[in-house]
């Protein structure tokens, strides 16, 4: 049995050039889940870690 998160459409690309999507703009949660802010913070933290740990922006975005 699939839950609502498993049937959400996948986003093929989260970034282009120097722009990256974070939070509910890319995770597409149900509007009734109340997860938009949490997903935005989680995405921002992970992006910051990648930018810190990887040698270039393109590599960080791809990761």
PDB file of N, CA and C in Angstrom:
ATOM      1  N   UNK A   1       0.844  -1.179   0.000  1.00  0.00           N
ATOM      2  CA  UNK A   1       0.000   0.000   0.000  1.00  0.00           C
ATOM      3  C   UNK A   1       0.892   1.246   0.000  1.00  0.00           C
ATOM      4  N   UNK A   2       0.640   2.148  -0.893  1.00  0.00           N
ATOM      5  CA  UNK A   2       1.439   3.358  -0.992  1.00  0.00           C
ATOM      6  C   UNK A   2       0.818   4.488  -0.190  1.00  0.00           C
ATOM      7  N   UNK A   3       1.671   5.231   0.499  1.00  0.00           N
ATOM      8  CA  UNK A   3       1.210   6.409   1.213  1.00  0.00           C
ATOM      9  C   UNK A   3       1.254   7.620   0.299  1.00  0.00           C
ATOM     10  N   UNK A   4       0.804   8.755   0.805  1.00  0.00           N
ATOM     11  CA  UNK A   4       0.730   9.953  -0.030  1.00  0.00           C
ATOM     12  C   UNK A   4       2.105  10.436  -0.481  1.00  0.00           C
ATOM     13  N   UNK A   5       3.149  10.209   0.308  1.00  0.00           N
ATOM     14  CA  UNK A   5       4.484  10.656  -0.094  1.00  0.00           C
ATOM     15  C   UNK A   5       5.051   9.811  -1.224  1.00  0.00           C
ATOM     16  N   UNK A   6       4.684   8.546  -1.282  1.00  0.00           N
ATOM     17  CA  UNK A   6       5.197   7.671  -2.332  1.00  0.00           C
ATOM     18  C   UNK A   6       4.562   7.949  -3.688  1.00  0.00           C
ATOM     19  N   UNK A   7       3.394   8.571  -3.727  1.00  0.00           N
ATOM     20  CA  UNK A   7       2.738   8.813  -5.011  1.00  0.00           C
ATOM     21  C   UNK A   7       2.925  10.245  -5.503  1.00  0.00           C
ATOM     22  N   UNK A   8       3.749  11.035  -4.794  1.00  0.00           N
ATOM     23  CA  UNK A   8       4.028  12.398  -5.232  1.00  0.00           C
ATOM     24  C   UNK A   8       4.913  12.346  -6.470  1.00  0.00           C
ATOM     25  N   UNK A   9       4.747  13.270  -7.408  1.00  0.00           N
ATOM     26  CA  UNK A   9       5.585  13.255  -8.605  1.00  0.00           C
ATOM     27  C   UNK A   9       7.041  13.549  -8.261  1.00  0.00           C
ATOM     28  N   UNK A  10       7.946  12.893  -8.953  1.00  0.00           N
ATOM     29  CA  UNK A  10       9.373  13.123  -8.760  1.00  0.00           C
ATOM     30  C   UNK A  10       9.801  14.354  -9.548  1.00  0.00           C
ATOM     31  N   UNK A  11      10.737  15.100  -9.012  1.00  0.00           N
ATOM     32  CA  UNK A  11      11.288  16.263  -9.692  1.00  0.00           C
ATOM     33  C   UNK A  11      12.616  15.825 -10.301  1.00  0.00           C
ATOM     34  N   UNK A  12      12.746  15.844 -11.642  1.00  0.00           N
ATOM     35  CA  UNK A  12      13.957  15.320 -12.267  1.00  0.00           C
ATOM     36  C   UNK A  12      15.209  16.149 -12.004  1.00  0.00           C
ATOM     37  N   UNK A  13      15.072  17.457 -11.844  1.00  0.00           N
ATOM     38  CA  UNK A  13      16.233  18.321 -11.611  1.00  0.00           C
ATOM     39  C   UNK A  13      15.901  19.317 -10.513  1.00  0.00           C
ATOM     40  N   UNK A  14      16.723  19.351  -9.487  1.00  0.00           N
ATOM     41  CA  UNK A  14      16.512  20.264  -8.377  1.00  0.00           C
ATOM     42  C   UNK A  14      17.281  21.553  -8.552  1.00  0.00           C
ATOM     43  N   UNK A  15      18.126  21.625  -9.576  1.00  0.00           N
ATOM     44  CA  UNK A  15      18.966  22.804  -9.737  1.00  0.00           C
ATOM     45  C   UNK A  15      19.202  23.086 -11.221  1.00  0.00           C
ATOM     46  N   UNK A  16      19.558  24.307 -11.501  1.00  0.00           N
ATOM     47  CA  UNK A  16      19.982  24.723 -12.841  1.00  0.00           C
ATOM     48  C   UNK A  16      20.927  25.901 -12.648  1.00  0.00           C
ATOM     49  N   UNK A  17      22.096  25.806 -13.248  1.00  0.00           N
ATOM     50  CA  UNK A  17      23.128  26.827 -13.103  1.00  0.00           C
ATOM     51  C   UNK A  17      23.370  27.108 -11.622  1.00  0.00           C
ATOM     52  N   UNK A  18      23.095  28.330 -11.173  1.00  0.00           N
ATOM     53  CA  UNK A  18      23.357  28.687  -9.775  1.00  0.00           C
ATOM     54  C   UNK A  18      22.065  28.816  -8.959  1.00  0.00           C
ATOM     55  N   UNK A  19      21.004  28.181  -9.407  1.00  0.00           N
ATOM     56  CA  UNK A  19      19.730  28.223  -8.698  1.00  0.00           C
ATOM     57  C   UNK A  19      19.371  26.808  -8.249  1.00  0.00           C
ATOM     58  N   UNK A  20      18.919  26.679  -7.010  1.00  0.00           N
ATOM     59  CA  UNK A  20      18.540  25.371  -6.480  1.00  0.00           C
ATOM     60  C   UNK A  20      17.200  25.498  -5.753  1.00  0.00           C
ATOM     61  N   UNK A  21      16.371  24.477  -5.901  1.00  0.00           N
ATOM     62  CA  UNK A  21      15.081  24.445  -5.211  1.00  0.00           C
ATOM     63  C   UNK A  21      15.257  23.810  -3.838  1.00  0.00           C
ATOM     64  N   UNK A  22      14.543  24.324  -2.851  1.00  0.00           N
ATOM     65  CA  UNK A  22      14.563  23.748  -1.506  1.00  0.00           C
ATOM     66  C   UNK A  22      13.140  23.703  -0.968  1.00  0.00           C
ATOM     67  N   UNK A  23      12.973  22.950   0.082  1.00  0.00           N
ATOM     68  CA  UNK A  23      11.691  22.904   0.783  1.00  0.00           C
ATOM     69  C   UNK A  23      10.557  22.345  -0.047  1.00  0.00           C
ATOM     70  N   UNK A  24       9.357  22.882   0.174  1.00  0.00           N
ATOM     71  CA  UNK A  24       8.186  22.324  -0.489  1.00  0.00           C
ATOM     72  C   UNK A  24       8.120  22.675  -1.972  1.00  0.00           C
ATOM     73  N   UNK A  25       9.022  23.541  -2.456  1.00  0.00           N
ATOM     74  CA  UNK A  25       9.057  23.797  -3.896  1.00  0.00           C
ATOM     75  C   UNK A  25       9.574  22.594  -4.665  1.00  0.00           C
ATOM     76  N   UNK A  26      10.277  21.716  -4.001  1.00  0.00           N
ATOM     77  CA  UNK A  26      10.797  20.524  -4.669  1.00  0.00           C
ATOM     78  C   UNK A  26      10.263  19.237  -4.051  1.00  0.00           C
ATOM     79  N   UNK A  27       9.959  19.229  -2.780  1.00  0.00           N
ATOM     80  CA  UNK A  27       9.487  18.004  -2.134  1.00  0.00           C
ATOM     81  C   UNK A  27       8.010  17.734  -2.378  1.00  0.00           C
ATOM     82  N   UNK A  28       7.251  18.755  -2.707  1.00  0.00           N
ATOM     83  CA  UNK A  28       5.827  18.654  -3.040  1.00  0.00           C
ATOM     84  C   UNK A  28       5.002  17.900  -2.000  1.00  0.00           C
ATOM     85  N   UNK A  29       5.031  18.345  -0.734  1.00  0.00           N
ATOM     86  CA  UNK A  29       4.194  17.671   0.255  1.00  0.00           C
ATOM     87  C   UNK A  29       2.725  18.046   0.076  1.00  0.00           C
ATOM     88  N   UNK A  30       1.874  17.266   0.636  1.00  0.00           N
ATOM     89  CA  UNK A  30       0.452  17.593   0.649  1.00  0.00           C
ATOM     90  C   UNK A  30       0.260  18.900   1.397  1.00  0.00           C
ATOM     91  N   UNK A  31      -0.636  19.738   0.925  1.00  0.00           N
ATOM     92  CA  UNK A  31      -0.867  21.026   1.591  1.00  0.00           C
ATOM     93  C   UNK A  31      -1.403  20.849   3.007  1.00  0.00           C
ATOM     94  N   UNK A  32      -1.950  19.703   3.306  1.00  0.00           N
ATOM     95  CA  UNK A  32      -2.482  19.470   4.652  1.00  0.00           C
ATOM     96  C   UNK A  32      -1.459  18.855   5.597  1.00  0.00           C
ATOM     97  N   UNK A  33      -0.242  18.579   5.103  1.00  0.00           N
ATOM     98  CA  UNK A  33       0.744  17.917   5.952  1.00  0.00           C
ATOM     99  C   UNK A  33       1.447  18.874   6.904  1.00  0.00           C
ATOM    100  N   UNK A  34       1.491  20.169   6.564  1.00  0.00           N
ATOM    101  CA  UNK A  34       2.159  21.136   7.424  1.00  0.00           C
ATOM    102  C   UNK A  34       3.661  20.974   7.470  1.00  0.00           C
ATOM    103  N   UNK A  35       4.261  20.416   6.425  1.00  0.00           N
ATOM    104  CA  UNK A  35       5.689  20.116   6.429  1.00  0.00           C
ATOM    105  C   UNK A  35       6.533  21.111   5.645  1.00  0.00           C
ATOM    106  N   UNK A  36       5.959  22.130   5.052  1.00  0.00           N
ATOM    107  CA  UNK A  36       6.701  23.045   4.196  1.00  0.00           C
ATOM    108  C   UNK A  36       7.903  23.679   4.868  1.00  0.00           C
ATOM    109  N   UNK A  37       7.727  24.248   6.047  1.00  0.00           N
ATOM    110  CA  UNK A  37       8.835  24.910   6.746  1.00  0.00           C
ATOM    111  C   UNK A  37       9.895  23.905   7.175  1.00  0.00           C
ATOM    112  N   UNK A  38       9.473  22.753   7.656  1.00  0.00           N
ATOM    113  CA  UNK A  38      10.428  21.722   8.073  1.00  0.00           C
ATOM    114  C   UNK A  38      11.264  21.254   6.893  1.00  0.00           C
ATOM    115  N   UNK A  39      10.626  21.034   5.750  1.00  0.00           N
ATOM    116  CA  UNK A  39      11.347  20.600   4.565  1.00  0.00           C
ATOM    117  C   UNK A  39      12.305  21.678   4.079  1.00  0.00           C
ATOM    118  N   UNK A  40      11.914  22.937   4.180  1.00  0.00           N
ATOM    119  CA  UNK A  40      12.790  24.038   3.765  1.00  0.00           C
ATOM    120  C   UNK A  40      14.037  24.088   4.638  1.00  0.00           C
ATOM    121  N   UNK A  41      13.879  23.938   5.936  1.00  0.00           N
ATOM    122  CA  UNK A  41      15.035  23.955   6.837  1.00  0.00           C
ATOM    123  C   UNK A  41      15.936  22.749   6.594  1.00  0.00           C
ATOM    124  N   UNK A  42      15.336  21.579   6.433  1.00  0.00           N
ATOM    125  CA  UNK A  42      16.117  20.372   6.177  1.00  0.00           C
ATOM    126  C   UNK A  42      16.898  20.501   4.873  1.00  0.00           C
ATOM    127  N   UNK A  43      16.251  21.003   3.827  1.00  0.00           N
ATOM    128  CA  UNK A  43      16.923  21.195   2.539  1.00  0.00           C
ATOM    129  C   UNK A  43      18.049  22.208   2.663  1.00  0.00           C
ATOM    130  N   UNK A  44      17.810  23.308   3.352  1.00  0.00           N
ATOM    131  CA  UNK A  44      18.820  24.357   3.491  1.00  0.00           C
ATOM    132  C   UNK A  44      20.037  23.852   4.256  1.00  0.00           C
ATOM    133  N   UNK A  45      19.814  23.074   5.292  1.00  0.00           N
ATOM    134  CA  UNK A  45      20.926  22.520   6.070  1.00  0.00           C
ATOM    135  C   UNK A  45      21.745  21.564   5.210  1.00  0.00           C
ATOM    136  N   UNK A  46      21.067  20.698   4.475  1.00  0.00           N
ATOM    137  CA  UNK A  46      21.788  19.748   3.623  1.00  0.00           C
ATOM    138  C   UNK A  46      22.550  20.475   2.519  1.00  0.00           C
ATOM    139  N   UNK A  47      21.941  21.489   1.921  1.00  0.00           N
ATOM    140  CA  UNK A  47      22.623  22.275   0.890  1.00  0.00           C
ATOM    141  C   UNK A  47      23.849  22.967   1.474  1.00  0.00           C
ATOM    142  N   UNK A  48      23.719  23.544   2.662  1.00  0.00           N
ATOM    143  CA  UNK A  48      24.855  24.211   3.304  1.00  0.00           C
ATOM    144  C   UNK A  48      25.993  23.228   3.554  1.00  0.00           C
ATOM    145  N   UNK A  49      25.662  22.009   3.975  1.00  0.00           N
ATOM    146  CA  UNK A  49      26.699  20.990   4.198  1.00  0.00           C
ATOM    147  C   UNK A  49      27.410  20.645   2.898  1.00  0.00           C
ATOM    148  N   UNK A  50      26.639  20.485   1.828  1.00  0.00           N
ATOM    149  CA  UNK A  50      27.248  20.168   0.531  1.00  0.00           C
ATOM    150  C   UNK A  50      28.130  21.308   0.044  1.00  0.00           C
ATOM    151  N   UNK A  51      27.673  22.552   0.203  1.00  0.00           N
ATOM    152  CA  UNK A  51      28.478  23.701  -0.212  1.00  0.00           C
ATOM    153  C   UNK A  51      29.758  23.802   0.619  1.00  0.00           C
ATOM    154  N   UNK A  52      29.666  23.430   1.877  1.00  0.00           N
ATOM    155  CA  UNK A  52      30.846  23.459   2.758  1.00  0.00           C
ATOM    156  C   UNK A  52      31.839  22.350   2.409  1.00  0.00           C
ATOM    157  N   UNK A  53      31.329  21.157   2.114  1.00  0.00           N
ATOM    158  CA  UNK A  53      32.189  19.983   2.006  1.00  0.00           C
ATOM    159  C   UNK A  53      32.675  19.661   0.597  1.00  0.00           C
ATOM    160  N   UNK A  54      32.016  20.182  -0.414  1.00  0.00           N
ATOM    161  CA  UNK A  54      32.394  19.851  -1.787  1.00  0.00           C
ATOM    162  C   UNK A  54      33.121  21.031  -2.428  1.00  0.00           C
ATOM    163  N   UNK A  55      34.025  20.756  -3.360  1.00  0.00           N
ATOM    164  CA  UNK A  55      34.913  21.800  -3.866  1.00  0.00           C
ATOM    165  C   UNK A  55      34.271  22.848  -4.778  1.00  0.00           C
ATOM    166  N   UNK A  56      33.121  22.545  -5.380  1.00  0.00           N
ATOM    167  CA  UNK A  56      32.522  23.519  -6.296  1.00  0.00           C
ATOM    168  C   UNK A  56      31.006  23.518  -6.172  1.00  0.00           C
ATOM    169  N   UNK A  57      30.395  24.616  -6.578  1.00  0.00           N
ATOM    170  CA  UNK A  57      28.942  24.799  -6.457  1.00  0.00           C
ATOM    171  C   UNK A  57      28.193  23.755  -7.279  1.00  0.00           C
ATOM    172  N   UNK A  58      28.639  23.499  -8.506  1.00  0.00           N
ATOM    173  CA  UNK A  58      27.956  22.521  -9.349  1.00  0.00           C
ATOM    174  C   UNK A  58      27.939  21.135  -8.704  1.00  0.00           C
ATOM    175  N   UNK A  59      29.042  20.743  -8.109  1.00  0.00           N
ATOM    176  CA  UNK A  59      29.110  19.456  -7.421  1.00  0.00           C
ATOM    177  C   UNK A  59      28.219  19.402  -6.206  1.00  0.00           C
ATOM    178  N   UNK A  60      28.165  20.524  -5.463  1.00  0.00           N
ATOM    179  CA  UNK A  60      27.299  20.590  -4.285  1.00  0.00           C
ATOM    180  C   UNK A  60      25.834  20.482  -4.687  1.00  0.00           C
ATOM    181  N   UNK A  61      25.449  21.198  -5.752  1.00  0.00           N
ATOM    182  CA  UNK A  61      24.065  21.127  -6.211  1.00  0.00           C
ATOM    183  C   UNK A  61      23.719  19.730  -6.698  1.00  0.00           C
ATOM    184  N   UNK A  62      24.618  19.101  -7.404  1.00  0.00           N
ATOM    185  CA  UNK A  62      24.346  17.754  -7.917  1.00  0.00           C
ATOM    186  C   UNK A  62      24.213  16.746  -6.775  1.00  0.00           C
ATOM    187  N   UNK A  63      24.986  16.937  -5.709  1.00  0.00           N
ATOM    188  CA  UNK A  63      24.924  16.023  -4.567  1.00  0.00           C
ATOM    189  C   UNK A  63      23.613  16.166  -3.842  1.00  0.00           C
TER     190      UNK A  63
END
